[in-house]
N, C-alpha and C. Protein backbone atom coordinates (compact mmCIF):
# COMPACT_ATOMS: atom_id res chain seq x y z
N MET A 1 0.84 -1.16 0.00
CA MET A 1 0.00 0.00 0.00
C MET A 1 0.90 1.23 0.00
N LYS A 2 0.54 2.18 -0.90
CA LYS A 2 1.35 3.39 -1.00
C LYS A 2 0.95 4.36 0.11
N PRO A 3 1.89 5.18 0.55
CA PRO A 3 1.60 6.11 1.64
C PRO A 3 0.58 7.20 1.25
N ASN A 4 0.47 7.55 -0.04
CA ASN A 4 -0.48 8.60 -0.41
C ASN A 4 -1.93 8.09 -0.41
N HIS A 5 -2.16 6.80 -0.34
CA HIS A 5 -3.50 6.24 -0.27
C HIS A 5 -4.01 6.15 1.17
N LEU A 6 -3.12 6.29 2.13
CA LEU A 6 -3.50 6.17 3.52
C LEU A 6 -4.53 7.22 3.96
N PRO A 7 -4.37 8.51 3.61
CA PRO A 7 -5.39 9.50 4.02
C PRO A 7 -6.77 9.20 3.41
N ARG A 8 -6.79 8.75 2.17
CA ARG A 8 -8.07 8.41 1.55
C ARG A 8 -8.72 7.21 2.24
N LEU A 9 -7.94 6.22 2.53
CA LEU A 9 -8.44 5.03 3.21
C LEU A 9 -8.97 5.38 4.60
N LEU A 10 -8.26 6.22 5.29
CA LEU A 10 -8.70 6.66 6.61
C LEU A 10 -10.00 7.46 6.53
N ALA A 11 -10.13 8.33 5.53
CA ALA A 11 -11.34 9.14 5.35
C ALA A 11 -12.54 8.24 5.05
N VAL A 12 -12.34 7.26 4.20
CA VAL A 12 -13.42 6.34 3.86
C VAL A 12 -13.80 5.50 5.07
N ALA A 13 -12.84 5.10 5.87
CA ALA A 13 -13.11 4.28 7.04
C ALA A 13 -13.82 5.08 8.13
N LEU A 14 -13.52 6.36 8.26
CA LEU A 14 -14.12 7.18 9.31
C LEU A 14 -15.44 7.83 8.89
N LEU A 15 -15.77 7.82 7.62
CA LEU A 15 -16.99 8.44 7.13
C LEU A 15 -18.25 7.89 7.80
N PRO A 16 -18.42 6.58 7.95
CA PRO A 16 -19.62 6.09 8.64
C PRO A 16 -19.73 6.56 10.09
N LEU A 17 -18.58 6.69 10.76
CA LEU A 17 -18.61 7.16 12.15
C LEU A 17 -19.04 8.63 12.21
N VAL A 18 -18.59 9.43 11.28
CA VAL A 18 -18.95 10.84 11.25
C VAL A 18 -20.43 11.00 10.92
N LEU A 19 -20.91 10.24 9.97
CA LEU A 19 -22.31 10.36 9.56
C LEU A 19 -23.27 9.71 10.54
N ALA A 20 -22.79 8.87 11.44
CA ALA A 20 -23.66 8.18 12.39
C ALA A 20 -24.32 9.17 13.34
N GLY A 21 -23.69 10.27 13.62
CA GLY A 21 -24.25 11.27 14.53
C GLY A 21 -25.17 12.25 13.85
N CYS A 22 -25.31 12.17 12.54
CA CYS A 22 -26.15 13.12 11.80
C CYS A 22 -27.56 12.59 11.65
N LYS A 23 -28.50 13.52 11.64
CA LYS A 23 -29.87 13.16 11.29
C LYS A 23 -29.98 13.26 9.78
N ILE A 24 -30.91 12.56 9.22
CA ILE A 24 -31.11 12.58 7.77
C ILE A 24 -31.43 14.00 7.30
N GLU A 25 -32.21 14.74 8.11
CA GLU A 25 -32.59 16.10 7.74
C GLU A 25 -31.40 17.05 7.69
N ASP A 26 -30.32 16.72 8.44
CA ASP A 26 -29.15 17.59 8.48
C ASP A 26 -28.28 17.47 7.24
N ILE A 27 -28.41 16.39 6.51
CA ILE A 27 -27.60 16.18 5.33
C ILE A 27 -28.34 16.75 4.13
N PRO A 28 -27.76 17.72 3.45
CA PRO A 28 -28.46 18.35 2.32
C PRO A 28 -28.82 17.34 1.24
N GLY A 29 -30.04 17.43 0.78
CA GLY A 29 -30.50 16.56 -0.30
C GLY A 29 -31.06 15.23 0.16
N LEU A 30 -30.93 14.89 1.44
CA LEU A 30 -31.42 13.61 1.93
C LEU A 30 -32.63 13.74 2.85
N GLY A 31 -33.11 14.95 3.04
CA GLY A 31 -34.27 15.17 3.90
C GLY A 31 -35.56 14.82 3.19
N PRO A 32 -36.68 15.10 3.83
CA PRO A 32 -37.97 14.79 3.21
C PRO A 32 -38.21 15.70 2.00
N ASP A 33 -38.99 15.19 1.08
CA ASP A 33 -39.33 15.94 -0.13
C ASP A 33 -40.16 17.16 0.26
N PRO A 34 -39.76 18.36 -0.16
CA PRO A 34 -40.52 19.56 0.21
C PRO A 34 -41.96 19.54 -0.29
N ARG A 35 -42.20 18.88 -1.42
CA ARG A 35 -43.58 18.80 -1.92
C ARG A 35 -44.43 17.94 -1.01
N ALA A 36 -43.86 16.88 -0.47
CA ALA A 36 -44.60 16.01 0.45
C ALA A 36 -44.90 16.75 1.75
N VAL A 37 -43.95 17.53 2.22
CA VAL A 37 -44.15 18.31 3.43
C VAL A 37 -45.26 19.34 3.21
N ALA A 38 -45.27 19.96 2.04
CA ALA A 38 -46.31 20.96 1.72
C ALA A 38 -47.68 20.29 1.64
N ARG A 39 -47.77 19.11 1.05
CA ARG A 39 -49.05 18.39 0.96
C ARG A 39 -49.58 18.03 2.35
N GLU A 40 -48.67 17.61 3.23
CA GLU A 40 -49.07 17.27 4.59
C GLU A 40 -49.58 18.50 5.33
N ALA A 41 -48.88 19.61 5.18
CA ALA A 41 -49.31 20.85 5.84
C ALA A 41 -50.66 21.31 5.29
N GLU A 42 -50.86 21.17 3.99
CA GLU A 42 -52.13 21.57 3.40
C GLU A 42 -53.28 20.69 3.90
N ALA A 43 -53.04 19.41 4.03
CA ALA A 43 -54.09 18.50 4.52
C ALA A 43 -54.47 18.85 5.96
N LYS A 44 -53.48 19.20 6.78
CA LYS A 44 -53.77 19.61 8.15
C LYS A 44 -54.54 20.93 8.17
N ALA A 45 -54.18 21.83 7.27
CA ALA A 45 -54.89 23.11 7.19
C ALA A 45 -56.33 22.90 6.75
N VAL A 46 -56.56 21.97 5.86
CA VAL A 46 -57.92 21.65 5.41
C VAL A 46 -58.74 21.16 6.61
N GLY A 47 -58.17 20.29 7.40
CA GLY A 47 -58.87 19.78 8.58
C GLY A 47 -59.18 20.89 9.57
N GLY A 48 -58.22 21.78 9.79
CA GLY A 48 -58.46 22.90 10.69
C GLY A 48 -59.54 23.83 10.18
N ALA A 49 -59.53 24.08 8.88
CA ALA A 49 -60.55 24.94 8.29
C ALA A 49 -61.93 24.30 8.38
N CYS A 50 -62.00 22.99 8.20
CA CYS A 50 -63.28 22.30 8.33
C CYS A 50 -63.82 22.42 9.75
N ARG A 51 -62.97 22.28 10.72
CA ARG A 51 -63.41 22.40 12.12
C ARG A 51 -63.88 23.82 12.40
N HIS A 52 -63.16 24.81 11.91
CA HIS A 52 -63.53 26.20 12.14
C HIS A 52 -64.86 26.53 11.46
N ALA A 53 -65.13 25.87 10.34
CA ALA A 53 -66.38 26.08 9.61
C ALA A 53 -67.50 25.20 10.17
N MET A 54 -67.27 24.56 11.30
CA MET A 54 -68.24 23.68 11.95
C MET A 54 -68.73 22.58 11.02
N ARG A 55 -67.83 22.07 10.22
CA ARG A 55 -68.14 20.99 9.28
C ARG A 55 -67.69 19.67 9.88
N GLY A 56 -68.45 18.63 9.69
CA GLY A 56 -68.11 17.32 10.20
C GLY A 56 -66.96 16.71 9.42
N LEU A 57 -66.31 15.74 10.02
CA LEU A 57 -65.17 15.09 9.37
C LEU A 57 -65.57 14.38 8.08
N GLU A 58 -66.70 13.73 8.09
CA GLU A 58 -67.13 13.00 6.89
C GLU A 58 -67.35 13.96 5.73
N ASP A 59 -67.95 15.12 6.02
CA ASP A 59 -68.15 16.13 4.97
C ASP A 59 -66.81 16.64 4.47
N CYS A 60 -65.89 16.82 5.38
CA CYS A 60 -64.56 17.31 5.02
C CYS A 60 -63.84 16.30 4.13
N TYR A 61 -63.96 15.02 4.48
CA TYR A 61 -63.34 13.98 3.65
C TYR A 61 -63.96 13.96 2.26
N THR A 62 -65.27 14.12 2.19
CA THR A 62 -65.97 14.10 0.91
C THR A 62 -65.57 15.28 0.04
N LEU A 63 -65.44 16.44 0.64
CA LEU A 63 -65.10 17.66 -0.12
C LEU A 63 -63.63 17.70 -0.52
N ASN A 64 -62.79 16.92 0.16
CA ASN A 64 -61.34 16.92 -0.11
C ASN A 64 -60.84 15.50 -0.27
N PRO A 65 -61.21 14.82 -1.35
CA PRO A 65 -60.86 13.40 -1.48
C PRO A 65 -59.37 13.13 -1.67
N LYS A 66 -58.61 14.11 -2.13
CA LYS A 66 -57.18 13.88 -2.38
C LYS A 66 -56.34 14.05 -1.12
N SER A 67 -56.89 14.67 -0.09
CA SER A 67 -56.14 14.88 1.15
C SER A 67 -56.15 13.61 1.98
N PRO A 68 -55.01 13.24 2.55
CA PRO A 68 -54.96 12.04 3.39
C PRO A 68 -55.85 12.21 4.63
N LYS A 69 -56.70 11.23 4.88
CA LYS A 69 -57.68 11.34 5.96
C LYS A 69 -57.03 11.48 7.33
N SER A 70 -55.92 10.82 7.54
CA SER A 70 -55.27 10.89 8.85
C SER A 70 -54.75 12.30 9.12
N LEU A 71 -54.24 12.96 8.10
CA LEU A 71 -53.73 14.32 8.29
C LEU A 71 -54.86 15.32 8.41
N VAL A 72 -55.95 15.10 7.67
CA VAL A 72 -57.12 15.97 7.81
C VAL A 72 -57.66 15.87 9.23
N PHE A 73 -57.74 14.63 9.73
CA PHE A 73 -58.21 14.44 11.10
C PHE A 73 -57.28 15.11 12.11
N ALA A 74 -55.98 15.00 11.90
CA ALA A 74 -55.02 15.63 12.82
C ALA A 74 -55.22 17.15 12.85
N GLY A 75 -55.41 17.74 11.69
CA GLY A 75 -55.66 19.18 11.63
C GLY A 75 -56.97 19.56 12.28
N TRP A 76 -58.01 18.75 12.05
CA TRP A 76 -59.32 18.99 12.64
C TRP A 76 -59.23 18.92 14.17
N LYS A 77 -58.51 17.91 14.65
CA LYS A 77 -58.37 17.70 16.10
C LYS A 77 -57.57 18.84 16.74
N ASP A 78 -56.48 19.25 16.08
CA ASP A 78 -55.67 20.35 16.61
C ASP A 78 -56.49 21.63 16.70
N MET A 79 -57.28 21.91 15.66
CA MET A 79 -58.11 23.11 15.66
C MET A 79 -59.19 23.01 16.73
N ASP A 80 -59.74 21.82 16.92
CA ASP A 80 -60.76 21.63 17.95
C ASP A 80 -60.19 21.94 19.32
N GLU A 81 -59.01 21.43 19.62
CA GLU A 81 -58.36 21.70 20.91
C GLU A 81 -58.07 23.18 21.07
N TYR A 82 -57.60 23.82 20.00
CA TYR A 82 -57.28 25.25 20.04
C TYR A 82 -58.54 26.08 20.28
N MET A 83 -59.63 25.73 19.58
CA MET A 83 -60.87 26.48 19.72
C MET A 83 -61.47 26.30 21.11
N ARG A 84 -61.39 25.11 21.66
CA ARG A 84 -61.91 24.87 23.00
C ARG A 84 -61.08 25.61 24.05
N ALA A 85 -59.75 25.58 23.89
CA ALA A 85 -58.88 26.23 24.87
C ALA A 85 -59.06 27.75 24.87
N ASN A 86 -59.32 28.33 23.70
CA ASN A 86 -59.45 29.78 23.59
C ASN A 86 -60.90 30.24 23.50
N LYS A 87 -61.84 29.32 23.70
CA LYS A 87 -63.28 29.61 23.68
C LYS A 87 -63.68 30.36 22.42
N ILE A 88 -63.29 29.79 21.28
CA ILE A 88 -63.60 30.38 19.98
C ILE A 88 -64.80 29.64 19.40
N GLU A 89 -65.77 30.38 18.92
CA GLU A 89 -66.93 29.79 18.27
C GLU A 89 -66.63 29.58 16.80
N GLY A 90 -67.17 28.53 16.24
CA GLY A 90 -66.99 28.26 14.82
C GLY A 90 -67.83 29.20 13.97
N VAL A 91 -67.45 29.31 12.72
CA VAL A 91 -68.17 30.13 11.76
C VAL A 91 -68.91 29.18 10.83
N PRO A 92 -70.24 29.24 10.78
CA PRO A 92 -70.98 28.31 9.92
C PRO A 92 -70.59 28.46 8.46
N SER A 93 -70.51 27.36 7.78
CA SER A 93 -70.17 27.35 6.36
C SER A 93 -71.36 27.80 5.54
N VAL A 94 -71.11 28.57 4.50
CA VAL A 94 -72.18 28.99 3.59
C VAL A 94 -72.18 28.13 2.33
N LEU A 95 -71.34 27.15 2.28
CA LEU A 95 -71.27 26.25 1.14
C LEU A 95 -72.54 25.43 1.05
N GLY A 96 -73.15 25.43 -0.11
CA GLY A 96 -74.35 24.62 -0.31
C GLY A 96 -75.64 25.38 -0.07
N GLN A 97 -75.57 26.60 0.44
CA GLN A 97 -76.78 27.39 0.63
C GLN A 97 -77.07 28.13 -0.65
N ASN A 98 -78.22 27.85 -1.27
CA ASN A 98 -78.60 28.47 -2.54
C ASN A 98 -79.45 29.71 -2.30
N ALA A 99 -79.41 30.62 -3.25
CA ALA A 99 -80.25 31.81 -3.17
C ALA A 99 -81.69 31.40 -3.45
N PRO A 100 -82.66 32.05 -2.80
CA PRO A 100 -84.06 31.69 -3.06
C PRO A 100 -84.45 32.00 -4.49
N GLU A 101 -85.26 31.11 -5.06
CA GLU A 101 -85.67 31.27 -6.46
C GLU A 101 -86.80 32.28 -6.55
N LYS A 102 -86.90 32.94 -7.67
CA LYS A 102 -88.00 33.86 -7.92
C LYS A 102 -89.16 33.05 -8.48
N ARG A 103 -90.27 33.04 -7.79
CA ARG A 103 -91.41 32.23 -8.21
C ARG A 103 -92.41 33.04 -9.03
N GLY A 104 -92.37 34.34 -8.95
CA GLY A 104 -93.34 35.15 -9.65
C GLY A 104 -93.30 34.96 -11.15
N SER A 105 -92.12 34.81 -11.74
CA SER A 105 -92.02 34.67 -13.19
C SER A 105 -92.51 33.29 -13.65
N THR A 106 -92.32 32.25 -12.87
CA THR A 106 -92.77 30.92 -13.29
C THR A 106 -94.29 30.80 -13.21
N GLU A 107 -94.91 31.41 -12.24
CA GLU A 107 -96.36 31.36 -12.14
C GLU A 107 -97.01 32.11 -13.30
N ALA A 108 -96.43 33.25 -13.70
CA ALA A 108 -96.98 34.03 -14.80
C ALA A 108 -96.82 33.25 -16.10
N ASP A 109 -95.68 32.56 -16.27
CA ASP A 109 -95.44 31.78 -17.49
C ASP A 109 -96.40 30.61 -17.57
N SER A 110 -96.69 29.94 -16.45
CA SER A 110 -97.58 28.79 -16.48
C SER A 110 -99.02 29.20 -16.75
N GLY A 111 -99.41 30.42 -16.33
CA GLY A 111 -100.74 30.90 -16.60
C GLY A 111 -100.98 31.19 -18.06
N ARG A 112 -99.96 31.58 -18.77
CA ARG A 112 -100.07 31.89 -20.20
C ARG A 112 -100.23 30.62 -21.03
N ASN A 113 -99.68 29.53 -20.56
CA ASN A 113 -99.68 28.29 -21.35
C ASN A 113 -100.94 27.48 -21.16
N ARG A 114 -101.93 27.96 -20.46
CA ARG A 114 -103.13 27.17 -20.16
C ARG A 114 -104.11 27.13 -21.32
N SER A 115 -103.96 27.83 -22.34
CA SER A 115 -104.97 27.87 -23.41
C SER A 115 -105.17 26.61 -24.14
């Protein structure tokens, strides 16, 4: 073995010991995918928003089928605990409430067609 290979051999041999103390997140490029982290945060936010809108979990799951149910539930539960601790009332959702129909025009139209 040549003497100039000794530093390289030592570096390769000590590399596992140096990396053993590192977390995966500390090593650049080996942490969690940022897109996956964003999706998880969004799913938790959806759950929190559903709780604040006084919407049930099943409705929340139905309205957000692509969000993981476990993360939606975690966000819903966190918001529930926060709202109870701070005595915050939910805001009712206006989703699904339709404007009242005008009936005067349909009655007039049906009267004309009676001939």
